[in-house]
Amino acid sequence: MIEIEKSSEKVSSMFDSIAPKYDFLNHFFSFGIDKRWRKKVRKIIGNADNKIILDVATGTADLAIELTKSNPAKIIGIDISAKMLEIGNQKIKKHKKTSEIISLQNGNSLNLKFPDNYFDFVTCAFGVRNFEDTEKGIKEIFRVLKSSGKVVFLEFSMPENKIVAFFYKYYFTKFLPKIGKIISHNKLAYNYLPESVMKFMQGENFTGFLIKNNFVNTRQKKLSFGIASIYEGIKK
């Protein structure tokens, strides 16, 4: 497997290059299940009347758009990839409600340009494993959350069932990179995806990491035989 440097500049450049095909490949490789996963995040958020949400690593804004159904006062989505944000803004402008609620900004999760205790919720879908410095990113999320505010991560994970894990790993490491390269014309990006998932801390390792960084009531909810997980934590 190709070793890819996980610097903010490298990750930004990589996602810029695959941005035009990103949404199609996301839905194609997950068989559309990723849409259901985002709905589950929205249900965890629940009613967000008069609340402010930060969506970190928002990409093309799929989760931010889904979260408008929770009726928040405002959603700010940030991402280091300008090209991904361009596509996200195109999608947002198609619907009056989303354009009134969502604003997208180019920004780095390691240095959030927001005051302390500002957001009621912080969400992040398929992005935390890309943080150049995971602990620094988590600390920044903690800082901008209000007291008793909630963070919700949606992330890929490795299934525990050996049979499911075998087929999933084959699909993830053999099939996905080949098709991703053909469609996106970027060899590195779809080698990086399985590499980053398998290297990232999962399950109790990640909930424990959140606890180490002062979050409480942490928990993991496994999705679709464990190929994805939702992690939650509360700022104490």
Foldseek 3Di string as FASTA:
>chain_A
DDDDQLDLVRVQVLCLLQQVCVVVLVCVLVVNCVLVVLLVVLVVVAQADQFEEEEEQCFLPSSVVSNCVSVYQAYEYEHQHPNSPVNNVVVQVVDPSSVNHYDYDYDALLDDPAAFQAGQEYEYEAPLLSHSDNLSSLLSVLRNHHAFHKYKYKHFAAFPPPVVNVVVCCCQQPVQLVVSCVVSVDNPPSNVSVVSRVPDDDDPRVQVSSVVSQWPPWHWDADDNRRMIMIMTTHD
